[in-house]
Amino acid sequence: MSSESTRLTSEAITLSAAAVLNALISVLGNKGLLSADEEREVYQAAAELIDAASGDDEDGTYELARELIELRMADI
């Protein structure tokens, strides 16, 4: 497998996992199994995990991930 193919596969796996998790949280909220506060709590915990793992974050990946989570929390 070429390095480009490996990169694309890795990005596809990451994107699909994030989409499934986001959908799961939304479905649980829509079914009333999670309150809006609980949905926010899940995303807040994720943001805190990102903060803890971010280190130097030279390329801004962690910062962007945190911003995306904050946008999702604002939609709840």
C-alpha atoms as a PDB file:
ATOM      1  CA  MET A   1       0.000   0.000   0.000  1.00  0.00           C
ATOM      2  CA  SER A   2       1.414   3.403  -0.946  1.00  0.00           C
ATOM      3  CA  SER A   3       1.865   6.120   1.670  1.00  0.00           C
ATOM      4  CA  GLU A   4      -0.931   8.129   0.019  1.00  0.00           C
ATOM      5  CA  SER A   5      -3.264   5.149   0.163  1.00  0.00           C
ATOM      6  CA  THR A   6      -2.341   4.551   3.801  1.00  0.00           C
ATOM      7  CA  ARG A   7      -3.007   8.205   4.637  1.00  0.00           C
ATOM      8  CA  LEU A   8      -6.388   8.170   2.889  1.00  0.00           C
ATOM      9  CA  THR A   9      -7.374   4.956   4.638  1.00  0.00           C
ATOM     10  CA  SER A  10      -6.403   6.401   8.008  1.00  0.00           C
ATOM     11  CA  GLU A  11      -8.368   9.588   7.356  1.00  0.00           C
ATOM     12  CA  ALA A  12     -11.403   7.597   6.193  1.00  0.00           C
ATOM     13  CA  ILE A  13     -11.325   5.457   9.345  1.00  0.00           C
ATOM     14  CA  THR A  14     -11.060   8.526  11.552  1.00  0.00           C
ATOM     15  CA  LEU A  15     -13.867  10.329   9.743  1.00  0.00           C
ATOM     16  CA  SER A  16     -16.205   7.330   9.779  1.00  0.00           C
ATOM     17  CA  ALA A  17     -15.580   6.704  13.496  1.00  0.00           C
ATOM     18  CA  ALA A  18     -16.275  10.350  14.314  1.00  0.00           C
ATOM     19  CA  ALA A  19     -19.454  10.328  12.222  1.00  0.00           C
ATOM     20  CA  VAL A  20     -20.759   7.165  13.883  1.00  0.00           C
ATOM     21  CA  LEU A  21     -20.048   8.515  17.367  1.00  0.00           C
ATOM     22  CA  ASN A  22     -21.670  11.865  16.577  1.00  0.00           C
ATOM     23  CA  ALA A  23     -24.707  10.085  15.139  1.00  0.00           C
ATOM     24  CA  LEU A  24     -24.963   7.835  18.202  1.00  0.00           C
ATOM     25  CA  ILE A  25     -24.929  10.791  20.577  1.00  0.00           C
ATOM     26  CA  SER A  26     -27.552  12.578  18.450  1.00  0.00           C
ATOM     27  CA  VAL A  27     -29.823   9.522  18.245  1.00  0.00           C
ATOM     28  CA  LEU A  28     -29.598   8.946  21.994  1.00  0.00           C
ATOM     29  CA  GLY A  29     -30.494  12.593  22.548  1.00  0.00           C
ATOM     30  CA  ASN A  30     -33.370  12.499  20.069  1.00  0.00           C
ATOM     31  CA  LYS A  31     -34.794   9.394  21.774  1.00  0.00           C
ATOM     32  CA  GLY A  32     -34.637  11.116  25.128  1.00  0.00           C
ATOM     33  CA  LEU A  33     -31.998   8.748  26.463  1.00  0.00           C
ATOM     34  CA  LEU A  34     -29.582  11.651  26.884  1.00  0.00           C
ATOM     35  CA  SER A  35     -30.655  15.113  27.949  1.00  0.00           C
ATOM     36  CA  ALA A  36     -29.187  18.148  26.211  1.00  0.00           C
ATOM     37  CA  ASP A  37     -26.979  18.664  29.273  1.00  0.00           C
ATOM     38  CA  GLU A  38     -25.757  15.068  29.040  1.00  0.00           C
ATOM     39  CA  GLU A  39     -25.006  15.478  25.334  1.00  0.00           C
ATOM     40  CA  ARG A  40     -22.966  18.588  26.150  1.00  0.00           C
ATOM     41  CA  GLU A  41     -21.229  16.659  28.934  1.00  0.00           C
ATOM     42  CA  VAL A  42     -20.083  14.012  26.432  1.00  0.00           C
ATOM     43  CA  TYR A  43     -18.663  16.641  24.088  1.00  0.00           C
ATOM     44  CA  GLN A  44     -17.108  18.578  26.991  1.00  0.00           C
ATOM     45  CA  ALA A  45     -15.349  15.407  28.171  1.00  0.00           C
ATOM     46  CA  ALA A  46     -14.061  14.867  24.630  1.00  0.00           C
ATOM     47  CA  ALA A  47     -12.775  18.446  24.492  1.00  0.00           C
ATOM     48  CA  GLU A  48     -10.991  17.933  27.812  1.00  0.00           C
ATOM     49  CA  LEU A  49      -9.377  14.729  26.513  1.00  0.00           C
ATOM     50  CA  ILE A  50      -8.151  16.642  23.469  1.00  0.00           C
ATOM     51  CA  ASP A  51      -6.762  19.399  25.689  1.00  0.00           C
ATOM     52  CA  ALA A  52      -4.922  16.850  27.828  1.00  0.00           C
ATOM     53  CA  ALA A  53      -3.400  15.146  24.776  1.00  0.00           C
ATOM     54  CA  SER A  54      -2.598  18.263  22.759  1.00  0.00           C
ATOM     55  CA  GLY A  55       0.982  18.856  23.886  1.00  0.00           C
ATOM     56  CA  ASP A  56       2.708  21.368  21.611  1.00  0.00           C
ATOM     57  CA  ASP A  57       0.143  20.902  18.787  1.00  0.00           C
ATOM     58  CA  GLU A  58       2.566  22.336  16.249  1.00  0.00           C
ATOM     59  CA  ASP A  59       0.248  21.856  13.266  1.00  0.00           C
ATOM     60  CA  GLY A  60      -2.976  22.962  15.002  1.00  0.00           C
ATOM     61  CA  THR A  61      -4.751  19.612  14.675  1.00  0.00           C
ATOM     62  CA  TYR A  62      -5.859  19.488  18.296  1.00  0.00           C
ATOM     63  CA  GLU A  63      -6.980  23.120  18.246  1.00  0.00           C
ATOM     64  CA  LEU A  64      -9.109  22.473  15.173  1.00  0.00           C
ATOM     65  CA  ALA A  65     -10.583  19.320  16.717  1.00  0.00           C
ATOM     66  CA  ARG A  66     -11.515  21.296  19.835  1.00  0.00           C
ATOM     67  CA  GLU A  67     -13.139  24.011  17.721  1.00  0.00           C
ATOM     68  CA  LEU A  68     -15.231  21.399  15.905  1.00  0.00           C
ATOM     69  CA  ILE A  69     -16.401  19.956  19.219  1.00  0.00           C
ATOM     70  CA  GLU A  70     -17.282  23.433  20.477  1.00  0.00           C
ATOM     71  CA  LEU A  71     -19.344  24.052  17.330  1.00  0.00           C
ATOM     72  CA  ARG A  72     -21.235  20.819  17.946  1.00  0.00           C
ATOM     73  CA  MET A  73     -21.874  21.768  21.583  1.00  0.00           C
ATOM     74  CA  ALA A  74     -23.272  25.114  20.451  1.00  0.00           C
ATOM     75  CA  ASP A  75     -25.810  23.269  18.266  1.00  0.00           C
ATOM     76  CA  ILE A  76     -27.268  21.299  21.182  1.00  0.00           C
END
